[in-house]
Amino acid sequence: MRASSLCLVFGLVLLMAWTSEAEFEAGVVPQTCCFDFIGFQIPDSKVVRAERTHSRCPIAGVMVTTQKNHKFCVKPDEAWIKKLLEK
């Protein structure tokens, strides 16, 4: 009786540890996600860097960094950002 109780408790502890780890990984959102997008074009000469946001972000976007280190989010379907990403 005592051994079966010990096995049951051990099994429940393992189950809780496994499910809590799975929930933690599923809830992780990267720090560089875009939620607000600009509605204007940034001149190519002002852009230092343009990179797509992480695939775990809830909304796809492109993070654009300017010469003055300002960061803007752009929708990836904008024509000007598509051309910029191709370069």
PDB file of N, CA and C in Angstrom:
ATOM      1  N   MET A   1       0.825  -1.194   0.000  1.00  0.00           N
ATOM      2  CA  MET A   1       0.000   0.000   0.000  1.00  0.00           C
ATOM      3  C   MET A   1       0.869   1.257   0.000  1.00  0.00           C
ATOM      4  N   ARG A   2       1.878   1.253   0.810  1.00  0.00           N
ATOM      5  CA  ARG A   2       2.733   2.424   0.922  1.00  0.00           C
ATOM      6  C   ARG A   2       3.505   2.678  -0.381  1.00  0.00           C
ATOM      7  N   ALA A   3       3.961   1.622  -1.029  1.00  0.00           N
ATOM      8  CA  ALA A   3       4.712   1.756  -2.281  1.00  0.00           C
ATOM      9  C   ALA A   3       3.816   2.286  -3.395  1.00  0.00           C
ATOM     10  N   SER A   4       2.573   1.831  -3.447  1.00  0.00           N
ATOM     11  CA  SER A   4       1.674   2.303  -4.499  1.00  0.00           C
ATOM     12  C   SER A   4       1.330   3.783  -4.292  1.00  0.00           C
ATOM     13  N   SER A   5       1.180   4.203  -3.047  1.00  0.00           N
ATOM     14  CA  SER A   5       0.925   5.624  -2.759  1.00  0.00           C
ATOM     15  C   SER A   5       2.119   6.476  -3.163  1.00  0.00           C
ATOM     16  N   LEU A   6       3.308   5.982  -2.877  1.00  0.00           N
ATOM     17  CA  LEU A   6       4.520   6.697  -3.238  1.00  0.00           C
ATOM     18  C   LEU A   6       4.638   6.821  -4.760  1.00  0.00           C
ATOM     19  N   CYS A   7       4.330   5.771  -5.476  1.00  0.00           N
ATOM     20  CA  CYS A   7       4.368   5.803  -6.944  1.00  0.00           C
ATOM     21  C   CYS A   7       3.331   6.786  -7.491  1.00  0.00           C
ATOM     22  N   LEU A   8       2.161   6.812  -6.890  1.00  0.00           N
ATOM     23  CA  LEU A   8       1.112   7.724  -7.329  1.00  0.00           C
ATOM     24  C   LEU A   8       1.535   9.182  -7.121  1.00  0.00           C
ATOM     25  N   VAL A   9       2.091   9.495  -5.970  1.00  0.00           N
ATOM     26  CA  VAL A   9       2.554  10.853  -5.685  1.00  0.00           C
ATOM     27  C   VAL A   9       3.674  11.236  -6.637  1.00  0.00           C
ATOM     28  N   PHE A  10       4.614  10.341  -6.842  1.00  0.00           N
ATOM     29  CA  PHE A  10       5.726  10.608  -7.751  1.00  0.00           C
ATOM     30  C   PHE A  10       5.218  10.854  -9.176  1.00  0.00           C
ATOM     31  N   GLY A  11       4.258  10.053  -9.612  1.00  0.00           N
ATOM     32  CA  GLY A  11       3.676  10.226 -10.942  1.00  0.00           C
ATOM     33  C   GLY A  11       2.967  11.563 -11.088  1.00  0.00           C
ATOM     34  N   LEU A  12       2.248  11.979 -10.058  1.00  0.00           N
ATOM     35  CA  LEU A  12       1.556  13.272 -10.101  1.00  0.00           C
ATOM     36  C   LEU A  12       2.544  14.436 -10.133  1.00  0.00           C
ATOM     37  N   VAL A  13       3.624  14.318  -9.376  1.00  0.00           N
ATOM     38  CA  VAL A  13       4.646  15.371  -9.381  1.00  0.00           C
ATOM     39  C   VAL A  13       5.274  15.478 -10.770  1.00  0.00           C
ATOM     40  N   LEU A  14       5.583  14.351 -11.385  1.00  0.00           N
ATOM     41  CA  LEU A  14       6.144  14.369 -12.746  1.00  0.00           C
ATOM     42  C   LEU A  14       5.169  14.987 -13.738  1.00  0.00           C
ATOM     43  N   LEU A  15       3.914  14.643 -13.624  1.00  0.00           N
ATOM     44  CA  LEU A  15       2.895  15.185 -14.523  1.00  0.00           C
ATOM     45  C   LEU A  15       2.773  16.702 -14.367  1.00  0.00           C
ATOM     46  N   MET A  16       2.780  17.191 -13.136  1.00  0.00           N
ATOM     47  CA  MET A  16       2.696  18.641 -12.905  1.00  0.00           C
ATOM     48  C   MET A  16       3.922  19.357 -13.461  1.00  0.00           C
ATOM     49  N   ALA A  17       5.092  18.778 -13.273  1.00  0.00           N
ATOM     50  CA  ALA A  17       6.315  19.411 -13.784  1.00  0.00           C
ATOM     51  C   ALA A  17       6.300  19.454 -15.303  1.00  0.00           C
ATOM     52  N   TRP A  18       5.853  18.400 -15.939  1.00  0.00           N
ATOM     53  CA  TRP A  18       5.826  18.338 -17.403  1.00  0.00           C
ATOM     54  C   TRP A  18       4.823  19.340 -17.972  1.00  0.00           C
ATOM     55  N   THR A  19       3.627  19.436 -17.395  1.00  0.00           N
ATOM     56  CA  THR A  19       2.617  20.346 -17.940  1.00  0.00           C
ATOM     57  C   THR A  19       2.963  21.799 -17.662  1.00  0.00           C
ATOM     58  N   SER A  20       3.580  22.099 -16.519  1.00  0.00           N
ATOM     59  CA  SER A  20       3.935  23.491 -16.244  1.00  0.00           C
ATOM     60  C   SER A  20       5.029  23.964 -17.186  1.00  0.00           C
ATOM     61  N   GLU A  21       5.943  23.089 -17.569  1.00  0.00           N
ATOM     62  CA  GLU A  21       6.998  23.453 -18.529  1.00  0.00           C
ATOM     63  C   GLU A  21       6.402  23.695 -19.906  1.00  0.00           C
ATOM     64  N   ALA A  22       5.456  22.888 -20.306  1.00  0.00           N
ATOM     65  CA  ALA A  22       4.820  23.062 -21.614  1.00  0.00           C
ATOM     66  C   ALA A  22       4.046  24.367 -21.666  1.00  0.00           C
ATOM     67  N   GLU A  23       3.355  24.725 -20.594  1.00  0.00           N
ATOM     68  CA  GLU A  23       2.616  25.985 -20.558  1.00  0.00           C
ATOM     69  C   GLU A  23       3.561  27.168 -20.598  1.00  0.00           C
ATOM     70  N   PHE A  24       4.695  27.067 -19.927  1.00  0.00           N
ATOM     71  CA  PHE A  24       5.665  28.159 -19.904  1.00  0.00           C
ATOM     72  C   PHE A  24       6.193  28.433 -21.305  1.00  0.00           C
ATOM     73  N   GLU A  25       6.581  27.385 -22.040  1.00  0.00           N
ATOM     74  CA  GLU A  25       7.117  27.571 -23.387  1.00  0.00           C
ATOM     75  C   GLU A  25       6.067  28.118 -24.337  1.00  0.00           C
ATOM     76  N   ALA A  26       4.830  27.709 -24.186  1.00  0.00           N
ATOM     77  CA  ALA A  26       3.774  28.166 -25.082  1.00  0.00           C
ATOM     78  C   ALA A  26       3.449  29.634 -24.856  1.00  0.00           C
ATOM     79  N   GLY A  27       3.653  30.141 -23.637  1.00  0.00           N
ATOM     80  CA  GLY A  27       3.299  31.500 -23.322  1.00  0.00           C
ATOM     81  C   GLY A  27       4.394  32.515 -23.582  1.00  0.00           C
ATOM     82  N   VAL A  28       5.544  32.075 -24.052  1.00  0.00           N
ATOM     83  CA  VAL A  28       6.672  32.983 -24.252  1.00  0.00           C
ATOM     84  C   VAL A  28       6.461  33.817 -25.507  1.00  0.00           C
ATOM     85  N   VAL A  29       6.542  35.121 -25.361  1.00  0.00           N
ATOM     86  CA  VAL A  29       6.461  36.031 -26.504  1.00  0.00           C
ATOM     87  C   VAL A  29       7.781  36.795 -26.552  1.00  0.00           C
ATOM     88  N   PRO A  30       8.446  36.786 -27.687  1.00  0.00           N
ATOM     89  CA  PRO A  30       9.711  37.509 -27.793  1.00  0.00           C
ATOM     90  C   PRO A  30       9.549  39.002 -27.498  1.00  0.00           C
ATOM     91  N   GLN A  31      10.650  39.662 -27.119  1.00  0.00           N
ATOM     92  CA  GLN A  31      10.593  41.073 -26.757  1.00  0.00           C
ATOM     93  C   GLN A  31      10.444  41.988 -27.969  1.00  0.00           C
ATOM     94  N   THR A  32      10.798  41.544 -29.148  1.00  0.00           N
ATOM     95  CA  THR A  32      10.771  42.418 -30.326  1.00  0.00           C
ATOM     96  C   THR A  32       9.569  42.132 -31.220  1.00  0.00           C
ATOM     97  N   CYS A  33       8.400  42.121 -30.648  1.00  0.00           N
ATOM     98  CA  CYS A  33       7.176  41.953 -31.432  1.00  0.00           C
ATOM     99  C   CYS A  33       6.585  43.329 -31.749  1.00  0.00           C
ATOM    100  N   CYS A  34       5.842  43.394 -32.848  1.00  0.00           N
ATOM    101  CA  CYS A  34       5.187  44.635 -33.264  1.00  0.00           C
ATOM    102  C   CYS A  34       3.696  44.562 -32.974  1.00  0.00           C
ATOM    103  N   PHE A  35       3.164  45.628 -32.391  1.00  0.00           N
ATOM    104  CA  PHE A  35       1.732  45.712 -32.126  1.00  0.00           C
ATOM    105  C   PHE A  35       1.116  46.967 -32.747  1.00  0.00           C
ATOM    106  N   ASP A  36       1.928  48.001 -32.918  1.00  0.00           N
ATOM    107  CA  ASP A  36       1.499  49.236 -33.585  1.00  0.00           C
ATOM    108  C   ASP A  36       2.387  49.457 -34.805  1.00  0.00           C
ATOM    109  N   PHE A  37       1.768  49.810 -35.923  1.00  0.00           N
ATOM    110  CA  PHE A  37       2.507  49.953 -37.176  1.00  0.00           C
ATOM    111  C   PHE A  37       2.413  51.384 -37.696  1.00  0.00           C
ATOM    112  N   ILE A  38       3.501  51.861 -38.291  1.00  0.00           N
ATOM    113  CA  ILE A  38       3.505  53.212 -38.860  1.00  0.00           C
ATOM    114  C   ILE A  38       2.754  53.216 -40.185  1.00  0.00           C
ATOM    115  N   GLY A  39       2.269  54.380 -40.548  1.00  0.00           N
ATOM    116  CA  GLY A  39       1.519  54.512 -41.797  1.00  0.00           C
ATOM    117  C   GLY A  39       2.251  55.343 -42.832  1.00  0.00           C
ATOM    118  N   PHE A  40       3.549  55.510 -42.661  1.00  0.00           N
ATOM    119  CA  PHE A  40       4.321  56.309 -43.609  1.00  0.00           C
ATOM    120  C   PHE A  40       5.583  55.556 -44.014  1.00  0.00           C
ATOM    121  N   GLN A  41       6.161  55.958 -45.116  1.00  0.00           N
ATOM    122  CA  GLN A  41       7.371  55.330 -45.632  1.00  0.00           C
ATOM    123  C   GLN A  41       8.603  56.027 -45.072  1.00  0.00           C
ATOM    124  N   ILE A  42       9.601  55.235 -44.707  1.00  0.00           N
ATOM    125  CA  ILE A  42      10.878  55.781 -44.255  1.00  0.00           C
ATOM    126  C   ILE A  42      11.829  55.729 -45.447  1.00  0.00           C
ATOM    127  N   PRO A  43      12.509  56.821 -45.764  1.00  0.00           N
ATOM    128  CA  PRO A  43      13.445  56.806 -46.892  1.00  0.00           C
ATOM    129  C   PRO A  43      14.541  55.743 -46.697  1.00  0.00           C
ATOM    130  N   ASP A  44      14.872  55.049 -47.779  1.00  0.00           N
ATOM    131  CA  ASP A  44      15.894  54.000 -47.722  1.00  0.00           C
ATOM    132  C   ASP A  44      17.205  54.502 -47.141  1.00  0.00           C
ATOM    133  N   SER A  45      17.543  55.750 -47.425  1.00  0.00           N
ATOM    134  CA  SER A  45      18.811  56.309 -46.953  1.00  0.00           C
ATOM    135  C   SER A  45      18.853  56.458 -45.429  1.00  0.00           C
ATOM    136  N   LYS A  46      17.699  56.500 -44.794  1.00  0.00           N
ATOM    137  CA  LYS A  46      17.632  56.660 -43.336  1.00  0.00           C
ATOM    138  C   LYS A  46      17.622  55.312 -42.602  1.00  0.00           C
ATOM    139  N   VAL A  47      17.358  54.219 -43.325  1.00  0.00           N
ATOM    140  CA  VAL A  47      17.234  52.897 -42.702  1.00  0.00           C
ATOM    141  C   VAL A  47      18.613  52.263 -42.542  1.00  0.00           C
ATOM    142  N   VAL A  48      18.912  51.871 -41.309  1.00  0.00           N
ATOM    143  CA  VAL A  48      20.163  51.185 -41.004  1.00  0.00           C
ATOM    144  C   VAL A  48      19.947  49.676 -41.003  1.00  0.00           C
ATOM    145  N   ARG A  49      18.767  49.272 -40.525  1.00  0.00           N
ATOM    146  CA  ARG A  49      18.486  47.839 -40.391  1.00  0.00           C
ATOM    147  C   ARG A  49      16.994  47.595 -40.537  1.00  0.00           C
ATOM    148  N   ALA A  50      16.640  46.494 -41.161  1.00  0.00           N
ATOM    149  CA  ALA A  50      15.246  46.062 -41.273  1.00  0.00           C
ATOM    150  C   ALA A  50      15.221  44.545 -41.135  1.00  0.00           C
ATOM    151  N   GLU A  51      14.469  44.054 -40.151  1.00  0.00           N
ATOM    152  CA  GLU A  51      14.402  42.609 -39.947  1.00  0.00           C
ATOM    153  C   GLU A  51      12.995  42.198 -39.535  1.00  0.00           C
ATOM    154  N   ARG A  52      12.631  41.019 -39.973  1.00  0.00           N
ATOM    155  CA  ARG A  52      11.308  40.478 -39.639  1.00  0.00           C
ATOM    156  C   ARG A  52      11.260  40.128 -38.154  1.00  0.00           C
ATOM    157  N   THR A  53      10.086  40.266 -37.568  1.00  0.00           N
ATOM    158  CA  THR A  53       9.928  39.897 -36.166  1.00  0.00           C
ATOM    159  C   THR A  53       9.913  38.374 -36.038  1.00  0.00           C
ATOM    160  N   HIS A  54      10.068  37.902 -34.831  1.00  0.00           N
ATOM    161  CA  HIS A  54      10.145  36.473 -34.541  1.00  0.00           C
ATOM    162  C   HIS A  54       8.848  35.771 -34.936  1.00  0.00           C
ATOM    163  N   SER A  55       8.957  34.519 -35.318  1.00  0.00           N
ATOM    164  CA  SER A  55       7.772  33.766 -35.746  1.00  0.00           C
ATOM    165  C   SER A  55       6.795  33.516 -34.600  1.00  0.00           C
ATOM    166  N   ARG A  56       7.228  33.641 -33.359  1.00  0.00           N
ATOM    167  CA  ARG A  56       6.333  33.459 -32.211  1.00  0.00           C
ATOM    168  C   ARG A  56       5.515  34.708 -31.893  1.00  0.00           C
ATOM    169  N   CYS A  57       5.798  35.803 -32.559  1.00  0.00           N
ATOM    170  CA  CYS A  57       5.017  37.029 -32.333  1.00  0.00           C
ATOM    171  C   CYS A  57       3.587  36.821 -32.829  1.00  0.00           C
ATOM    172  N   PRO A  58       2.610  37.382 -32.137  1.00  0.00           N
ATOM    173  CA  PRO A  58       1.220  37.185 -32.555  1.00  0.00           C
ATOM    174  C   PRO A  58       0.876  37.840 -33.888  1.00  0.00           C
ATOM    175  N   ILE A  59       1.597  38.915 -34.259  1.00  0.00           N
ATOM    176  CA  ILE A  59       1.359  39.611 -35.522  1.00  0.00           C
ATOM    177  C   ILE A  59       2.692  39.729 -36.253  1.00  0.00           C
ATOM    178  N   ALA A  60       2.711  39.363 -37.521  1.00  0.00           N
ATOM    179  CA  ALA A  60       3.940  39.482 -38.317  1.00  0.00           C
ATOM    180  C   ALA A  60       4.250  40.950 -38.562  1.00  0.00           C
ATOM    181  N   GLY A  61       5.524  41.285 -38.524  1.00  0.00           N
ATOM    182  CA  GLY A  61       5.934  42.661 -38.746  1.00  0.00           C
ATOM    183  C   GLY A  61       7.396  42.743 -39.123  1.00  0.00           C
ATOM    184  N   VAL A  62       7.822  43.939 -39.484  1.00  0.00           N
ATOM    185  CA  VAL A  62       9.228  44.209 -39.794  1.00  0.00           C
ATOM    186  C   VAL A  62       9.670  45.352 -38.889  1.00  0.00           C
ATOM    187  N   MET A  63      10.751  45.122 -38.145  1.00  0.00           N
ATOM    188  CA  MET A  63      11.307  46.144 -37.266  1.00  0.00           C
ATOM    189  C   MET A  63      12.362  46.912 -38.050  1.00  0.00           C
ATOM    190  N   VAL A  64      12.144  48.217 -38.214  1.00  0.00           N
ATOM    191  CA  VAL A  64      13.052  49.082 -38.963  1.00  0.00           C
ATOM    192  C   VAL A  64      13.783  49.985 -37.975  1.00  0.00           C
ATOM    193  N   THR A  65      15.110  50.020 -38.079  1.00  0.00           N
ATOM    194  CA  THR A  65      15.928  50.890 -37.239  1.00  0.00           C
ATOM    195  C   THR A  65      16.538  51.965 -38.120  1.00  0.00           C
ATOM    196  N   THR A  66      16.407  53.233 -37.685  1.00  0.00           N
ATOM    197  CA  THR A  66      16.926  54.359 -38.465  1.00  0.00           C
ATOM    198  C   THR A  66      18.323  54.737 -37.987  1.00  0.00           C
ATOM    199  N   GLN A  67      18.925  55.702 -38.683  1.00  0.00           N
ATOM    200  CA  GLN A  67      20.258  56.181 -38.333  1.00  0.00           C
ATOM    201  C   GLN A  67      20.312  56.755 -36.919  1.00  0.00           C
ATOM    202  N   LYS A  68      19.220  57.337 -36.467  1.00  0.00           N
ATOM    203  CA  LYS A  68      19.164  57.916 -35.120  1.00  0.00           C
ATOM    204  C   LYS A  68      18.725  56.897 -34.073  1.00  0.00           C
ATOM    205  N   ASN A  69      18.763  55.620 -34.447  1.00  0.00           N
ATOM    206  CA  ASN A  69      18.422  54.491 -33.575  1.00  0.00           C
ATOM    207  C   ASN A  69      16.957  54.497 -33.130  1.00  0.00           C
ATOM    208  N   HIS A  70      16.084  55.084 -33.941  1.00  0.00           N
ATOM    209  CA  HIS A  70      14.648  55.000 -33.693  1.00  0.00           C
ATOM    210  C   HIS A  70      14.153  53.702 -34.322  1.00  0.00           C
ATOM    211  N   LYS A  71      13.250  53.029 -33.637  1.00  0.00           N
ATOM    212  CA  LYS A  71      12.715  51.765 -34.144  1.00  0.00           C
ATOM    213  C   LYS A  71      11.235  51.938 -34.483  1.00  0.00           C
ATOM    214  N   PHE A  72      10.867  51.443 -35.659  1.00  0.00           N
ATOM    215  CA  PHE A  72       9.497  51.529 -36.132  1.00  0.00           C
ATOM    216  C   PHE A  72       9.046  50.154 -36.604  1.00  0.00           C
ATOM    217  N   CYS A  73       7.777  49.871 -36.421  1.00  0.00           N
ATOM    218  CA  CYS A  73       7.197  48.632 -36.923  1.00  0.00           C
ATOM    219  C   CYS A  73       6.436  48.918 -38.209  1.00  0.00           C
ATOM    220  N   VAL A  74       6.674  48.060 -39.190  1.00  0.00           N
ATOM    221  CA  VAL A  74       6.048  48.202 -40.503  1.00  0.00           C
ATOM    222  C   VAL A  74       5.360  46.889 -40.850  1.00  0.00           C
ATOM    223  N   LYS A  75       4.191  46.994 -41.473  1.00  0.00           N
ATOM    224  CA  LYS A  75       3.502  45.780 -41.925  1.00  0.00           C
ATOM    225  C   LYS A  75       4.308  45.159 -43.060  1.00  0.00           C
ATOM    226  N   PRO A  76       4.515  43.845 -43.025  1.00  0.00           N
ATOM    227  CA  PRO A  76       5.375  43.200 -44.021  1.00  0.00           C
ATOM    228  C   PRO A  76       4.817  43.195 -45.439  1.00  0.00           C
ATOM    229  N   ASP A  77       3.539  43.521 -45.609  1.00  0.00           N
ATOM    230  CA  ASP A  77       2.960  43.534 -46.963  1.00  0.00           C
ATOM    231  C   ASP A  77       3.053  44.899 -47.643  1.00  0.00           C
ATOM    232  N   GLU A  78       3.669  45.888 -46.982  1.00  0.00           N
ATOM    233  CA  GLU A  78       3.883  47.201 -47.597  1.00  0.00           C
ATOM    234  C   GLU A  78       4.882  47.061 -48.749  1.00  0.00           C
ATOM    235  N   ALA A  79       4.584  47.683 -49.875  1.00  0.00           N
ATOM    236  CA  ALA A  79       5.431  47.538 -51.070  1.00  0.00           C
ATOM    237  C   ALA A  79       6.857  48.041 -50.830  1.00  0.00           C
ATOM    238  N   TRP A  80       7.001  49.186 -50.153  1.00  0.00           N
ATOM    239  CA  TRP A  80       8.327  49.759 -49.959  1.00  0.00           C
ATOM    240  C   TRP A  80       9.217  48.906 -49.048  1.00  0.00           C
ATOM    241  N   ILE A  81       8.594  48.253 -48.053  1.00  0.00           N
ATOM    242  CA  ILE A  81       9.406  47.422 -47.162  1.00  0.00           C
ATOM    243  C   ILE A  81       9.787  46.111 -47.830  1.00  0.00           C
ATOM    244  N   LYS A  82       8.921  45.625 -48.728  1.00  0.00           N
ATOM    245  CA  LYS A  82       9.282  44.418 -49.496  1.00  0.00           C
ATOM    246  C   LYS A  82      10.519  44.672 -50.337  1.00  0.00           C
ATOM    247  N   LYS A  83      10.547  45.810 -51.006  1.00  0.00           N
ATOM    248  CA  LYS A  83      11.724  46.175 -51.836  1.00  0.00           C
ATOM    249  C   LYS A  83      12.968  46.331 -50.978  1.00  0.00           C
ATOM    250  N   LEU A  84      12.808  46.937 -49.808  1.00  0.00           N
ATOM    251  CA  LEU A  84      13.936  47.151 -48.909  1.00  0.00           C
ATOM    252  C   LEU A  84      14.493  45.824 -48.392  1.00  0.00           C
ATOM    253  N   LEU A  85      13.627  44.891 -48.089  1.00  0.00           N
ATOM    254  CA  LEU A  85      14.059  43.582 -47.585  1.00  0.00           C
ATOM    255  C   LEU A  85      14.765  42.757 -48.661  1.00  0.00           C
ATOM    256  N   GLU A  86      14.411  42.982 -49.916  1.00  0.00           N
ATOM    257  CA  GLU A  86      15.060  42.261 -51.014  1.00  0.00           C
ATOM    258  C   GLU A  86      16.506  42.672 -51.197  1.00  0.00           C
ATOM    259  N   LYS A  87      16.854  43.898 -50.794  1.00  0.00           N
ATOM    260  CA  LYS A  87      18.227  44.410 -50.971  1.00  0.00           C
ATOM    261  C   LYS A  87      19.199  43.725 -50.053  1.00  0.00           C
TER     262      LYS A  87
END
